[in-house]
N, C-alpha and C. Protein backbone atom coordinates (compact mmCIF):
# COMPACT_ATOMS: atom_id res chain seq x y z
N UNK A 1 34.33 -39.00 22.56
CA UNK A 1 32.99 -38.56 22.23
C UNK A 1 33.05 -37.78 20.91
N UNK A 2 32.16 -38.10 19.96
CA UNK A 2 32.18 -37.41 18.67
C UNK A 2 31.77 -35.95 18.84
N UNK A 3 32.34 -35.10 18.00
CA UNK A 3 31.99 -33.68 18.07
C UNK A 3 30.54 -33.49 17.61
N UNK A 4 29.86 -32.49 18.19
CA UNK A 4 28.46 -32.28 17.80
C UNK A 4 28.37 -31.87 16.34
N UNK A 5 27.25 -32.24 15.74
CA UNK A 5 27.00 -31.90 14.34
C UNK A 5 26.88 -30.38 14.22
N UNK A 6 27.59 -29.78 13.26
CA UNK A 6 27.49 -28.31 13.13
C UNK A 6 26.08 -27.88 12.76
N UNK A 7 25.71 -26.72 13.28
CA UNK A 7 24.38 -26.18 12.98
C UNK A 7 24.36 -25.68 11.54
N UNK A 8 23.25 -25.90 10.85
CA UNK A 8 23.15 -25.41 9.47
C UNK A 8 23.13 -23.89 9.43
N UNK A 9 23.65 -23.33 8.37
CA UNK A 9 23.65 -21.89 8.17
C UNK A 9 22.26 -21.50 7.66
N UNK A 10 21.49 -20.83 8.50
CA UNK A 10 20.11 -20.51 8.14
C UNK A 10 20.03 -19.54 6.97
N UNK A 11 21.03 -18.67 6.82
CA UNK A 11 21.02 -17.76 5.66
C UNK A 11 21.12 -18.56 4.36
N UNK A 12 21.97 -19.58 4.34
CA UNK A 12 22.11 -20.40 3.14
C UNK A 12 20.84 -21.20 2.86
N UNK A 13 20.18 -21.66 3.91
CA UNK A 13 18.92 -22.39 3.73
C UNK A 13 17.88 -21.45 3.13
N UNK A 14 17.81 -20.23 3.63
CA UNK A 14 16.87 -19.24 3.09
C UNK A 14 17.16 -18.92 1.63
N UNK A 15 18.44 -18.76 1.30
CA UNK A 15 18.81 -18.45 -0.08
C UNK A 15 18.46 -19.62 -1.00
N UNK A 16 18.66 -20.84 -0.52
CA UNK A 16 18.29 -22.01 -1.33
C UNK A 16 16.80 -21.98 -1.64
N UNK A 17 15.98 -21.63 -0.66
CA UNK A 17 14.54 -21.54 -0.89
C UNK A 17 14.18 -20.45 -1.89
N UNK A 18 14.83 -19.31 -1.78
CA UNK A 18 14.57 -18.21 -2.72
C UNK A 18 14.93 -18.65 -4.14
N UNK A 19 16.07 -19.31 -4.29
CA UNK A 19 16.48 -19.74 -5.63
C UNK A 19 15.57 -20.85 -6.18
N UNK A 20 15.09 -21.72 -5.29
CA UNK A 20 14.13 -22.73 -5.73
C UNK A 20 12.87 -22.05 -6.28
N UNK A 21 12.33 -21.10 -5.53
CA UNK A 21 11.10 -20.42 -5.95
C UNK A 21 11.35 -19.66 -7.26
N UNK A 22 12.47 -18.95 -7.35
CA UNK A 22 12.79 -18.21 -8.56
C UNK A 22 12.92 -19.14 -9.77
N UNK A 23 13.58 -20.28 -9.58
CA UNK A 23 13.75 -21.21 -10.71
C UNK A 23 12.42 -21.82 -11.13
N UNK A 24 11.57 -22.12 -10.17
CA UNK A 24 10.26 -22.69 -10.49
C UNK A 24 9.40 -21.68 -11.25
N UNK A 25 9.42 -20.43 -10.81
CA UNK A 25 8.64 -19.40 -11.50
C UNK A 25 9.18 -19.17 -12.91
N UNK A 26 10.50 -19.19 -13.05
CA UNK A 26 11.10 -19.05 -14.39
C UNK A 26 10.71 -20.21 -15.28
N UNK A 27 10.69 -21.41 -14.71
CA UNK A 27 10.28 -22.60 -15.47
C UNK A 27 8.85 -22.45 -15.98
N UNK A 28 8.03 -21.74 -15.23
CA UNK A 28 6.63 -21.52 -15.61
C UNK A 28 6.46 -20.35 -16.58
N UNK A 29 7.54 -19.75 -17.01
CA UNK A 29 7.46 -18.69 -18.02
C UNK A 29 7.40 -17.28 -17.48
N UNK A 30 7.74 -17.07 -16.22
CA UNK A 30 7.75 -15.73 -15.64
C UNK A 30 9.20 -15.28 -15.45
N UNK A 31 9.39 -14.00 -15.30
CA UNK A 31 10.71 -13.44 -15.01
C UNK A 31 10.77 -13.25 -13.50
N UNK A 32 11.62 -14.01 -12.84
CA UNK A 32 11.74 -13.96 -11.38
C UNK A 32 13.08 -13.33 -11.01
N UNK A 33 13.02 -12.22 -10.31
CA UNK A 33 14.21 -11.46 -9.97
C UNK A 33 14.44 -11.49 -8.46
N UNK A 34 15.36 -12.32 -7.98
CA UNK A 34 15.68 -12.29 -6.54
C UNK A 34 16.27 -10.92 -6.18
N UNK A 35 15.87 -10.41 -5.04
CA UNK A 35 16.39 -9.12 -4.57
C UNK A 35 17.67 -9.36 -3.79
N UNK A 36 18.36 -8.28 -3.46
CA UNK A 36 19.53 -8.42 -2.59
C UNK A 36 19.03 -8.75 -1.19
N UNK A 37 19.85 -9.36 -0.39
CA UNK A 37 19.43 -9.81 0.93
C UNK A 37 19.19 -8.67 1.91
N UNK A 38 19.45 -7.43 1.52
CA UNK A 38 19.24 -6.31 2.42
C UNK A 38 17.83 -5.75 2.36
N UNK A 39 16.98 -6.29 1.50
CA UNK A 39 15.62 -5.81 1.38
C UNK A 39 14.75 -6.62 2.33
N UNK A 40 14.14 -5.95 3.29
CA UNK A 40 13.38 -6.65 4.32
C UNK A 40 12.03 -7.15 3.82
N UNK A 41 11.43 -6.46 2.87
CA UNK A 41 10.05 -6.76 2.52
C UNK A 41 9.89 -7.92 1.55
N UNK A 42 10.76 -8.04 0.54
CA UNK A 42 10.55 -9.02 -0.51
C UNK A 42 11.83 -9.75 -0.85
N UNK A 43 11.69 -11.01 -1.23
CA UNK A 43 12.83 -11.80 -1.68
C UNK A 43 12.88 -11.89 -3.19
N UNK A 44 11.71 -11.84 -3.83
CA UNK A 44 11.62 -11.99 -5.28
C UNK A 44 10.58 -11.02 -5.82
N UNK A 45 10.92 -10.37 -6.92
CA UNK A 45 9.93 -9.62 -7.70
C UNK A 45 9.75 -10.42 -8.98
N UNK A 46 8.51 -10.77 -9.29
CA UNK A 46 8.23 -11.60 -10.47
C UNK A 46 7.34 -10.82 -11.42
N UNK A 47 7.64 -10.92 -12.72
CA UNK A 47 6.85 -10.22 -13.72
C UNK A 47 6.53 -11.15 -14.88
N UNK A 48 5.54 -10.75 -15.65
CA UNK A 48 5.30 -11.45 -16.92
C UNK A 48 6.41 -11.04 -17.88
N UNK A 49 6.60 -11.79 -18.94
CA UNK A 49 7.68 -11.47 -19.88
C UNK A 49 7.48 -10.13 -20.56
N UNK A 50 6.23 -9.70 -20.70
CA UNK A 50 6.00 -8.39 -21.32
C UNK A 50 5.95 -7.26 -20.29
N UNK A 51 6.11 -7.59 -19.01
CA UNK A 51 6.14 -6.58 -17.95
C UNK A 51 4.80 -6.00 -17.58
N UNK A 52 3.72 -6.59 -18.07
CA UNK A 52 2.39 -6.01 -17.81
C UNK A 52 1.85 -6.32 -16.42
N UNK A 53 2.33 -7.37 -15.77
CA UNK A 53 1.89 -7.73 -14.42
C UNK A 53 3.11 -8.09 -13.59
N UNK A 54 2.99 -7.87 -12.27
CA UNK A 54 4.07 -8.25 -11.38
C UNK A 54 3.52 -8.63 -10.02
N UNK A 55 4.37 -9.29 -9.23
CA UNK A 55 4.02 -9.65 -7.86
C UNK A 55 5.29 -9.56 -7.02
N UNK A 56 5.10 -9.36 -5.73
CA UNK A 56 6.20 -9.30 -4.76
C UNK A 56 6.08 -10.53 -3.87
N UNK A 57 7.18 -11.26 -3.72
CA UNK A 57 7.13 -12.53 -2.99
C UNK A 57 8.14 -12.54 -1.86
N UNK A 58 7.67 -12.94 -0.69
CA UNK A 58 8.52 -13.20 0.47
C UNK A 58 8.58 -14.72 0.62
N UNK A 59 9.78 -15.29 0.73
CA UNK A 59 9.96 -16.74 0.84
C UNK A 59 10.38 -17.08 2.26
N UNK A 60 9.75 -18.08 2.83
CA UNK A 60 10.14 -18.63 4.13
C UNK A 60 10.51 -20.09 3.89
N UNK A 61 11.72 -20.49 4.32
CA UNK A 61 12.25 -21.80 3.99
C UNK A 61 12.61 -22.60 5.22
N UNK A 62 12.36 -23.90 5.16
CA UNK A 62 12.79 -24.84 6.20
C UNK A 62 13.56 -25.98 5.53
N UNK A 63 14.62 -26.42 6.17
CA UNK A 63 15.41 -27.52 5.61
C UNK A 63 14.84 -28.89 5.98
N UNK A 64 13.73 -28.90 6.71
CA UNK A 64 13.09 -30.17 7.06
C UNK A 64 11.59 -30.04 6.86
N UNK A 65 10.89 -31.10 7.13
CA UNK A 65 9.43 -31.09 6.97
C UNK A 65 8.79 -30.38 8.16
N UNK A 66 8.90 -29.08 8.17
CA UNK A 66 8.39 -28.27 9.27
C UNK A 66 6.87 -28.25 9.26
N UNK A 67 6.28 -28.13 10.45
CA UNK A 67 4.82 -28.02 10.54
C UNK A 67 4.39 -26.56 10.69
N UNK A 68 5.36 -25.66 10.85
CA UNK A 68 5.05 -24.23 10.91
C UNK A 68 6.24 -23.44 10.40
N UNK A 69 5.96 -22.21 9.98
CA UNK A 69 6.98 -21.30 9.47
C UNK A 69 6.92 -20.01 10.27
N UNK A 70 8.06 -19.57 10.78
CA UNK A 70 8.13 -18.30 11.50
C UNK A 70 7.82 -17.16 10.53
N UNK A 71 7.09 -16.18 11.04
CA UNK A 71 6.65 -15.05 10.24
C UNK A 71 6.88 -13.76 11.01
N UNK A 72 6.82 -12.62 10.32
CA UNK A 72 6.87 -11.35 11.05
C UNK A 72 5.57 -11.16 11.83
N UNK A 73 5.55 -10.24 12.78
CA UNK A 73 4.28 -9.93 13.47
C UNK A 73 3.21 -9.56 12.45
N UNK A 74 1.97 -9.85 12.76
CA UNK A 74 0.88 -9.65 11.80
C UNK A 74 0.82 -8.23 11.26
N UNK A 75 1.16 -7.24 12.07
CA UNK A 75 1.14 -5.85 11.61
C UNK A 75 2.19 -5.58 10.54
N UNK A 76 3.21 -6.41 10.46
CA UNK A 76 4.28 -6.20 9.47
C UNK A 76 4.16 -7.11 8.25
N UNK A 77 3.15 -7.97 8.23
CA UNK A 77 2.94 -8.83 7.06
C UNK A 77 2.39 -7.96 5.94
N UNK A 78 3.04 -8.00 4.79
CA UNK A 78 2.62 -7.19 3.63
C UNK A 78 1.33 -7.75 3.05
N UNK A 79 0.34 -6.90 2.85
CA UNK A 79 -0.99 -7.38 2.43
C UNK A 79 -1.52 -6.70 1.18
N UNK A 80 -0.66 -6.12 0.38
CA UNK A 80 -1.11 -5.47 -0.84
C UNK A 80 -1.62 -6.50 -1.84
N UNK A 81 -2.32 -6.07 -2.88
CA UNK A 81 -2.90 -7.00 -3.85
C UNK A 81 -1.85 -7.81 -4.63
N UNK A 82 -0.60 -7.37 -4.62
CA UNK A 82 0.47 -8.09 -5.33
C UNK A 82 1.48 -8.73 -4.39
N UNK A 83 1.14 -8.82 -3.10
CA UNK A 83 2.06 -9.38 -2.10
C UNK A 83 1.69 -10.82 -1.79
N UNK A 84 2.72 -11.70 -1.84
CA UNK A 84 2.52 -13.12 -1.59
C UNK A 84 3.63 -13.67 -0.71
N UNK A 85 3.32 -14.76 -0.04
CA UNK A 85 4.29 -15.50 0.76
C UNK A 85 4.35 -16.92 0.21
N UNK A 86 5.56 -17.40 -0.04
CA UNK A 86 5.75 -18.80 -0.44
C UNK A 86 6.50 -19.48 0.70
N UNK A 87 5.90 -20.49 1.27
CA UNK A 87 6.51 -21.29 2.33
C UNK A 87 7.09 -22.53 1.68
N UNK A 88 8.37 -22.78 1.89
CA UNK A 88 9.06 -23.88 1.23
C UNK A 88 9.69 -24.77 2.29
N UNK A 89 9.42 -26.08 2.19
CA UNK A 89 10.07 -27.01 3.11
C UNK A 89 10.63 -28.19 2.34
N UNK A 90 11.75 -28.70 2.85
CA UNK A 90 12.43 -29.82 2.22
C UNK A 90 11.80 -31.11 2.72
N UNK A 91 11.49 -32.01 1.78
CA UNK A 91 10.95 -33.33 2.11
C UNK A 91 12.09 -34.33 1.92
N UNK A 92 12.80 -34.69 2.99
CA UNK A 92 13.99 -35.54 2.84
C UNK A 92 13.69 -36.92 2.25
N UNK A 93 12.57 -37.50 2.60
CA UNK A 93 12.25 -38.83 2.07
C UNK A 93 11.99 -38.81 0.57
N UNK A 94 11.53 -37.66 0.06
CA UNK A 94 11.24 -37.52 -1.37
C UNK A 94 12.32 -36.76 -2.12
N UNK A 95 13.28 -36.21 -1.37
CA UNK A 95 14.42 -35.49 -1.94
C UNK A 95 13.96 -34.33 -2.84
N UNK A 96 13.01 -33.53 -2.31
CA UNK A 96 12.49 -32.40 -3.08
C UNK A 96 11.88 -31.37 -2.13
N UNK A 97 11.66 -30.17 -2.69
CA UNK A 97 10.96 -29.12 -1.95
C UNK A 97 9.46 -29.24 -2.14
N UNK A 98 8.74 -28.76 -1.14
CA UNK A 98 7.29 -28.64 -1.22
C UNK A 98 6.96 -27.17 -0.93
N UNK A 99 6.07 -26.59 -1.71
CA UNK A 99 5.75 -25.18 -1.54
C UNK A 99 4.29 -24.93 -1.23
N UNK A 100 4.04 -23.82 -0.57
CA UNK A 100 2.70 -23.36 -0.21
C UNK A 100 2.65 -21.86 -0.53
N UNK A 101 1.60 -21.42 -1.20
CA UNK A 101 1.47 -20.02 -1.57
C UNK A 101 0.28 -19.39 -0.87
N UNK A 102 0.52 -18.30 -0.17
CA UNK A 102 -0.54 -17.54 0.49
C UNK A 102 -0.49 -16.10 0.03
N UNK A 103 -1.63 -15.50 -0.14
CA UNK A 103 -1.66 -14.06 -0.39
C UNK A 103 -1.19 -13.39 0.90
N UNK A 104 -0.79 -12.14 0.80
CA UNK A 104 -0.38 -11.41 1.99
C UNK A 104 -1.49 -11.33 3.02
N UNK A 105 -2.70 -11.11 2.54
CA UNK A 105 -3.85 -11.02 3.45
C UNK A 105 -4.09 -12.35 4.17
N UNK A 106 -4.01 -13.46 3.42
CA UNK A 106 -4.19 -14.77 4.05
C UNK A 106 -3.08 -15.05 5.06
N UNK A 107 -1.85 -14.66 4.72
CA UNK A 107 -0.72 -14.86 5.64
C UNK A 107 -0.95 -14.08 6.94
N UNK A 108 -1.38 -12.84 6.83
CA UNK A 108 -1.65 -12.04 8.03
C UNK A 108 -2.74 -12.69 8.87
N UNK A 109 -3.80 -13.16 8.23
CA UNK A 109 -4.88 -13.81 8.98
C UNK A 109 -4.39 -15.07 9.68
N UNK A 110 -3.51 -15.83 9.03
CA UNK A 110 -2.98 -17.06 9.64
C UNK A 110 -2.06 -16.74 10.82
N UNK A 111 -1.27 -15.68 10.72
CA UNK A 111 -0.42 -15.28 11.85
C UNK A 111 -1.31 -14.90 13.02
N UNK A 112 -2.38 -14.17 12.75
CA UNK A 112 -3.31 -13.79 13.82
C UNK A 112 -3.99 -15.02 14.43
N UNK A 113 -4.38 -15.95 13.58
CA UNK A 113 -5.02 -17.18 14.07
C UNK A 113 -4.07 -17.96 14.98
N UNK A 114 -2.82 -18.08 14.54
CA UNK A 114 -1.82 -18.79 15.34
C UNK A 114 -1.56 -18.11 16.67
N UNK A 115 -1.52 -16.79 16.65
CA UNK A 115 -1.29 -16.03 17.89
C UNK A 115 -2.43 -16.26 18.87
N UNK A 116 -3.65 -16.25 18.36
CA UNK A 116 -4.82 -16.48 19.21
C UNK A 116 -4.78 -17.88 19.83
N UNK A 117 -4.43 -18.88 19.02
CA UNK A 117 -4.32 -20.26 19.50
C UNK A 117 -3.23 -20.37 20.58
N UNK A 118 -2.08 -19.77 20.31
CA UNK A 118 -0.98 -19.84 21.27
C UNK A 118 -1.30 -19.11 22.57
N UNK A 119 -2.03 -18.00 22.47
CA UNK A 119 -2.42 -17.25 23.66
C UNK A 119 -3.28 -18.13 24.58
N UNK A 120 -4.16 -18.92 24.00
CA UNK A 120 -4.97 -19.85 24.80
C UNK A 120 -4.08 -20.87 25.52
N UNK A 121 -3.05 -21.35 24.81
CA UNK A 121 -2.12 -22.31 25.41
C UNK A 121 -1.31 -21.68 26.55
N UNK A 122 -0.98 -20.42 26.41
CA UNK A 122 -0.25 -19.73 27.47
C UNK A 122 -1.13 -19.63 28.71
N UNK A 123 -2.39 -19.27 28.52
CA UNK A 123 -3.33 -19.17 29.64
C UNK A 123 -3.55 -20.52 30.30
N UNK A 124 -3.49 -21.60 29.50
CA UNK A 124 -3.67 -22.95 30.05
C UNK A 124 -2.39 -23.46 30.70
N UNK A 125 -1.30 -22.74 30.54
CA UNK A 125 -0.04 -23.15 31.15
C UNK A 125 0.76 -24.16 30.36
N UNK A 126 0.38 -24.42 29.11
CA UNK A 126 1.09 -25.41 28.29
C UNK A 126 2.05 -24.77 27.29
N UNK A 127 2.16 -23.46 27.35
CA UNK A 127 3.06 -22.73 26.43
C UNK A 127 3.58 -21.52 27.18
N UNK A 128 4.82 -21.11 26.85
CA UNK A 128 5.40 -19.97 27.56
C UNK A 128 5.39 -18.67 26.77
N UNK A 129 5.53 -18.76 25.45
CA UNK A 129 5.58 -17.52 24.67
C UNK A 129 4.94 -17.73 23.30
N UNK A 130 4.66 -16.62 22.65
CA UNK A 130 4.04 -16.64 21.32
C UNK A 130 5.14 -16.54 20.26
N UNK A 131 5.04 -17.41 19.27
CA UNK A 131 5.94 -17.38 18.12
C UNK A 131 5.08 -17.06 16.90
N UNK A 132 5.32 -15.92 16.28
CA UNK A 132 4.55 -15.52 15.10
C UNK A 132 4.81 -16.54 14.00
N UNK A 133 3.77 -17.19 13.52
CA UNK A 133 3.99 -18.27 12.56
C UNK A 133 2.73 -18.60 11.77
N UNK A 134 2.95 -19.40 10.72
CA UNK A 134 1.87 -19.98 9.92
C UNK A 134 2.04 -21.49 10.00
N UNK A 135 0.97 -22.19 10.32
CA UNK A 135 1.01 -23.64 10.46
C UNK A 135 0.60 -24.33 9.16
N UNK A 136 1.28 -25.43 8.84
CA UNK A 136 0.94 -26.26 7.67
C UNK A 136 0.87 -27.73 8.10
N UNK A 137 0.48 -27.97 9.32
CA UNK A 137 0.44 -29.33 9.87
C UNK A 137 -0.84 -30.05 9.48
N UNK A 138 -0.94 -31.30 9.88
CA UNK A 138 -2.14 -32.11 9.58
C UNK A 138 -3.40 -31.50 10.21
N UNK A 139 -3.21 -30.77 11.30
CA UNK A 139 -4.36 -30.16 11.98
C UNK A 139 -5.05 -29.11 11.12
N UNK A 140 -4.32 -28.56 10.18
CA UNK A 140 -4.88 -27.55 9.27
C UNK A 140 -4.74 -28.04 7.83
N UNK A 141 -4.98 -29.33 7.64
CA UNK A 141 -4.75 -29.97 6.34
C UNK A 141 -5.55 -29.34 5.21
N UNK A 142 -6.78 -28.96 5.47
CA UNK A 142 -7.60 -28.39 4.40
C UNK A 142 -6.98 -27.11 3.87
N UNK A 143 -6.57 -26.20 4.78
CA UNK A 143 -5.93 -24.96 4.34
C UNK A 143 -4.58 -25.24 3.69
N UNK A 144 -3.80 -26.12 4.29
CA UNK A 144 -2.48 -26.45 3.75
C UNK A 144 -2.59 -27.02 2.34
N UNK A 145 -3.53 -27.90 2.12
CA UNK A 145 -3.72 -28.48 0.79
C UNK A 145 -4.12 -27.42 -0.23
N UNK A 146 -4.93 -26.46 0.19
CA UNK A 146 -5.32 -25.37 -0.69
C UNK A 146 -4.10 -24.52 -1.06
N UNK A 147 -3.24 -24.22 -0.09
CA UNK A 147 -2.04 -23.42 -0.34
C UNK A 147 -1.04 -24.19 -1.21
N UNK A 148 -0.94 -25.50 -0.99
CA UNK A 148 -0.05 -26.33 -1.81
C UNK A 148 -0.51 -26.33 -3.26
N UNK A 149 -1.80 -26.51 -3.47
CA UNK A 149 -2.37 -26.51 -4.82
C UNK A 149 -2.18 -25.14 -5.48
N UNK A 150 -2.37 -24.10 -4.70
CA UNK A 150 -2.20 -22.75 -5.25
C UNK A 150 -0.76 -22.53 -5.72
N UNK A 151 0.20 -23.03 -4.96
CA UNK A 151 1.60 -22.90 -5.37
C UNK A 151 1.85 -23.67 -6.67
N UNK A 152 1.31 -24.86 -6.77
CA UNK A 152 1.54 -25.68 -7.95
C UNK A 152 0.92 -25.08 -9.22
N UNK A 153 -0.16 -24.32 -9.06
CA UNK A 153 -0.88 -23.79 -10.20
C UNK A 153 -0.69 -22.31 -10.46
N UNK A 154 -0.05 -21.58 -9.55
CA UNK A 154 -0.01 -20.12 -9.61
C UNK A 154 0.80 -19.60 -10.79
N UNK A 155 0.24 -18.55 -11.38
CA UNK A 155 0.92 -17.81 -12.43
C UNK A 155 0.38 -16.39 -12.41
N UNK A 156 1.11 -15.48 -12.99
CA UNK A 156 0.63 -14.09 -13.08
C UNK A 156 -0.41 -13.96 -14.18
């Protein structure tokens, strides 16, 4: 019997996503500074080249075409005017990453929306527990498309 396929190192997957986002922002003419992995709140601090504007970015990465991204509880989602979440997933058929950009406030609202939906499923007996997350599936295509477009066009 063949040995089971080793599980991917999730830390390395997360770091790959952070570096993808940093390289893309740099390509767009911004200074993207990945933080050390010990900082809980942000993965990247991005500034304009003259330092006049900045943003704080938390990156959530999946190595496959995920339909949702795990998030912190809604009370811990950063919602300041310069706080953003970039959700990154690998598209194996296209051999590239796909990104979605949400403001901190939008991310918190989506975590709350997901929690409310899951709570209904628990009451109906079709789900056992709540997973704090943001969905980017076909069921929420309008919002997902908006976040995808925002990522493609975003700049400071």
